[in-house]
Amino acid sequence: MTDEPQVTQEEQEQPQEGLDVEALQTERDELFDRLQRLAAEFDNFRKRSAREAASTIERANERLVKELLPVLDDLARALHAADEHEDAKLEDGVRLVHRSLADLLAKEGLAEIGTTGAFDPHVHEALLSQPSEAAEGDVIEVVQKGYTLGDKVLRPARVVVSAGAPAVPEDDED
């Protein structure tokens, strides 16, 4: 036998385990750093998206207000005509303002909901039901117009619905 110390298998594995632990800790630290960077990037993205959405809304509102300015001018002219008590001019001015606003909103996709024919619960709101000569369930009067913007109902049309023909009182013969 030699005087050299004999190395057991356990002693040979210990330095290997130390290297494995160090490698795992380094990998963990790298992954943690990546996670923090990714979280920061996501937070920045969220904030940037919110700013862009607010900016888009502001630009859309600006465009709509810019297009409403001529209607405001027409209304001012109609009020000026009212001050001068020119009834015909006042009526013409109000009609001009109404037509200008209706045309502008139609250009933006606003459409009036049709109220002829049968009651449609998707676009009509029945305020009451009255007996009439019209068929039961038909719209007989419009209390307030309804509008859609594209496919979305902005305000349902408020209507009176027919309850059918009025009941005829029977004459009692005694």
Protein backbone atom coordinates (compact mmCIF):
# COMPACT_ATOMS: atom_id res chain seq x y z
CA MET A 1 0.00 0.00 0.00
CA THR A 2 0.98 3.44 -0.69
CA ASP A 3 0.76 6.39 1.61
CA GLU A 4 -1.57 8.19 -0.74
CA PRO A 5 -4.99 8.76 0.77
CA GLN A 6 -7.63 6.84 -0.95
CA VAL A 7 -10.58 8.85 -2.26
CA THR A 8 -13.93 7.27 -1.81
CA GLN A 9 -16.72 7.56 -4.31
CA GLU A 10 -18.72 9.89 -2.01
CA GLU A 11 -15.82 12.32 -1.78
CA GLN A 12 -15.58 12.39 -5.58
CA GLU A 13 -19.30 13.28 -5.93
CA GLN A 14 -19.26 16.17 -3.41
CA PRO A 15 -17.39 18.68 -5.59
CA GLN A 16 -19.69 17.73 -8.50
CA GLU A 17 -22.78 18.51 -6.37
CA GLY A 18 -21.30 21.87 -5.40
CA LEU A 19 -20.87 22.74 -9.07
CA ASP A 20 -24.46 21.66 -9.81
CA VAL A 21 -25.84 23.86 -7.01
CA GLU A 22 -23.83 26.84 -8.23
CA ALA A 23 -25.03 26.29 -11.81
CA LEU A 24 -28.65 26.01 -10.66
CA GLN A 25 -28.35 29.18 -8.58
CA THR A 26 -26.85 31.05 -11.55
CA GLU A 27 -29.63 29.80 -13.81
CA ARG A 28 -32.23 30.78 -11.21
CA ASP A 29 -30.77 34.28 -10.96
CA GLU A 30 -30.81 34.66 -14.76
CA LEU A 31 -34.42 33.48 -14.98
CA PHE A 32 -35.45 35.82 -12.16
CA ASP A 33 -33.77 38.73 -13.94
CA ARG A 34 -35.59 37.84 -17.19
CA LEU A 35 -38.89 37.64 -15.29
CA GLN A 36 -38.38 41.10 -13.78
CA ARG A 37 -37.52 42.58 -17.17
CA LEU A 38 -40.55 40.95 -18.77
CA ALA A 39 -42.82 42.29 -16.00
CA ALA A 40 -41.40 45.79 -16.52
CA GLU A 41 -41.89 45.54 -20.29
CA PHE A 42 -45.49 44.42 -19.80
CA ASP A 43 -46.16 47.30 -17.39
CA ASN A 44 -44.71 49.77 -19.93
CA PHE A 45 -46.84 48.21 -22.70
CA ARG A 46 -49.98 48.52 -20.57
CA LYS A 47 -49.28 52.19 -19.84
CA ARG A 48 -48.45 52.95 -23.49
CA SER A 49 -51.66 51.23 -24.65
CA ALA A 50 -53.74 53.26 -22.20
CA ARG A 51 -52.12 56.52 -23.42
CA GLU A 52 -52.73 55.55 -27.07
CA ALA A 53 -56.38 54.68 -26.39
CA ALA A 54 -56.94 58.02 -24.62
CA SER A 55 -55.27 59.81 -27.52
CA THR A 56 -57.47 58.02 -30.07
CA ILE A 57 -60.62 58.97 -28.17
CA GLU A 58 -59.46 62.56 -27.96
CA ARG A 59 -58.81 62.70 -31.72
CA ALA A 60 -62.24 61.14 -32.45
CA ASN A 61 -63.96 63.68 -30.20
CA GLU A 62 -62.00 66.50 -31.84
CA ARG A 63 -63.14 65.40 -35.30
CA LEU A 64 -66.79 65.17 -34.22
CA VAL A 65 -66.72 68.57 -32.54
CA LYS A 66 -65.07 70.09 -35.61
CA GLU A 67 -67.90 68.74 -37.78
CA LEU A 68 -70.54 70.04 -35.34
CA LEU A 69 -69.24 73.62 -35.50
CA PRO A 70 -71.24 74.53 -38.66
CA VAL A 71 -74.40 73.27 -36.93
CA LEU A 72 -73.59 75.51 -33.96
CA ASP A 73 -73.15 78.45 -36.36
CA ASP A 74 -76.53 77.70 -37.99
CA LEU A 75 -78.16 77.60 -34.56
CA ALA A 76 -76.61 80.97 -33.68
CA ARG A 77 -78.05 82.44 -36.90
CA ALA A 78 -81.49 80.99 -36.06
CA LEU A 79 -81.34 82.58 -32.59
CA HIS A 80 -80.34 85.88 -34.13
CA ALA A 81 -83.38 85.70 -36.42
CA ALA A 82 -85.55 84.98 -33.37
CA ASP A 83 -84.26 88.15 -31.73
CA GLU A 84 -85.47 90.11 -34.75
CA HIS A 85 -88.90 88.41 -34.52
CA GLU A 86 -88.84 87.17 -38.03
CA ASP A 87 -90.96 84.06 -37.62
CA ALA A 88 -90.44 82.77 -41.16
CA LYS A 89 -86.67 83.15 -40.87
CA LEU A 90 -86.69 81.53 -37.44
CA GLU A 91 -88.55 78.49 -38.74
CA ASP A 92 -86.24 78.25 -41.74
CA GLY A 93 -83.22 78.59 -39.45
CA VAL A 94 -84.39 75.82 -37.14
CA ARG A 95 -85.13 73.58 -40.13
CA LEU A 96 -81.64 74.30 -41.49
CA VAL A 97 -80.04 73.38 -38.15
CA HIS A 98 -82.09 70.18 -37.91
CA ARG A 99 -81.24 69.16 -41.46
CA SER A 100 -77.52 69.96 -40.97
CA LEU A 101 -77.30 67.95 -37.77
CA ALA A 102 -79.29 65.03 -39.20
CA ASP A 103 -77.08 64.93 -42.31
CA LEU A 104 -73.89 65.08 -40.23
CA LEU A 105 -75.01 62.27 -37.95
CA ALA A 106 -76.20 60.16 -40.90
CA LYS A 107 -72.76 60.57 -42.45
CA GLU A 108 -71.31 59.17 -39.21
CA GLY A 109 -73.56 56.09 -39.47
CA LEU A 110 -76.58 57.15 -37.42
CA ALA A 111 -79.86 55.76 -38.76
CA GLU A 112 -83.43 56.20 -37.62
CA ILE A 113 -85.19 53.00 -36.55
CA GLY A 114 -88.18 52.16 -38.71
CA THR A 115 -91.49 52.19 -36.87
CA THR A 116 -93.93 50.93 -39.47
CA GLY A 117 -95.43 47.49 -39.18
CA ALA A 118 -95.09 45.01 -36.37
CA PHE A 119 -93.53 45.73 -32.97
CA ASP A 120 -89.93 44.47 -32.72
CA PRO A 121 -88.69 44.18 -29.12
CA HIS A 122 -85.07 44.42 -30.30
CA VAL A 123 -85.48 47.98 -31.56
CA HIS A 124 -88.78 49.21 -30.08
CA GLU A 125 -89.82 50.00 -26.52
CA ALA A 126 -93.57 49.67 -25.98
CA LEU A 127 -94.83 52.42 -23.70
CA LEU A 128 -98.45 51.30 -23.82
CA SER A 129 -100.94 49.25 -25.73
CA GLN A 130 -104.17 50.74 -27.11
CA PRO A 131 -107.14 49.28 -28.94
CA SER A 132 -107.12 50.34 -32.59
CA GLU A 133 -108.19 49.27 -36.04
CA ALA A 134 -104.59 48.19 -36.79
CA ALA A 135 -103.59 44.55 -36.39
CA GLU A 136 -102.65 43.45 -32.91
CA GLY A 137 -98.93 44.06 -32.26
CA ASP A 138 -98.55 46.79 -34.92
CA VAL A 139 -96.94 50.09 -34.04
CA ILE A 140 -99.62 52.79 -34.17
CA GLU A 141 -97.80 55.82 -32.77
CA VAL A 142 -94.20 56.91 -32.23
CA VAL A 143 -93.64 58.77 -28.97
CA GLN A 144 -89.86 59.16 -29.43
CA LYS A 145 -87.72 58.21 -32.41
CA GLY A 146 -85.07 55.55 -31.97
CA TYR A 147 -81.63 55.40 -33.56
CA THR A 148 -78.93 52.90 -34.45
CA LEU A 149 -75.25 53.53 -34.99
CA GLY A 150 -74.07 50.81 -37.33
CA ASP A 151 -75.52 47.57 -35.92
CA LYS A 152 -75.87 48.88 -32.36
CA VAL A 153 -79.14 50.31 -31.03
CA LEU A 154 -78.31 53.64 -29.37
CA ARG A 155 -81.86 54.33 -28.28
CA PRO A 156 -84.91 52.17 -28.96
CA ALA A 157 -87.93 53.80 -30.55
CA ARG A 158 -90.59 54.43 -27.92
CA VAL A 159 -93.92 53.43 -29.40
CA VAL A 160 -97.59 52.75 -28.74
CA VAL A 161 -98.65 49.27 -29.84
CA SER A 162 -102.06 48.18 -31.09
CA ALA A 163 -104.04 45.85 -28.85
CA GLY A 164 -106.29 44.91 -31.75
CA ALA A 165 -109.80 46.02 -32.62
CA PRO A 166 -111.73 47.67 -29.79
CA ALA A 167 -114.29 45.50 -28.09
CA VAL A 168 -117.79 46.21 -29.36
CA PRO A 169 -120.22 46.56 -26.47
CA GLU A 170 -123.09 44.14 -26.77
CA ASP A 171 -126.57 45.53 -26.46
CA ASP A 172 -128.49 43.74 -23.74
CA GLU A 173 -132.13 43.20 -24.68
CA ASP A 174 -134.30 42.78 -21.64
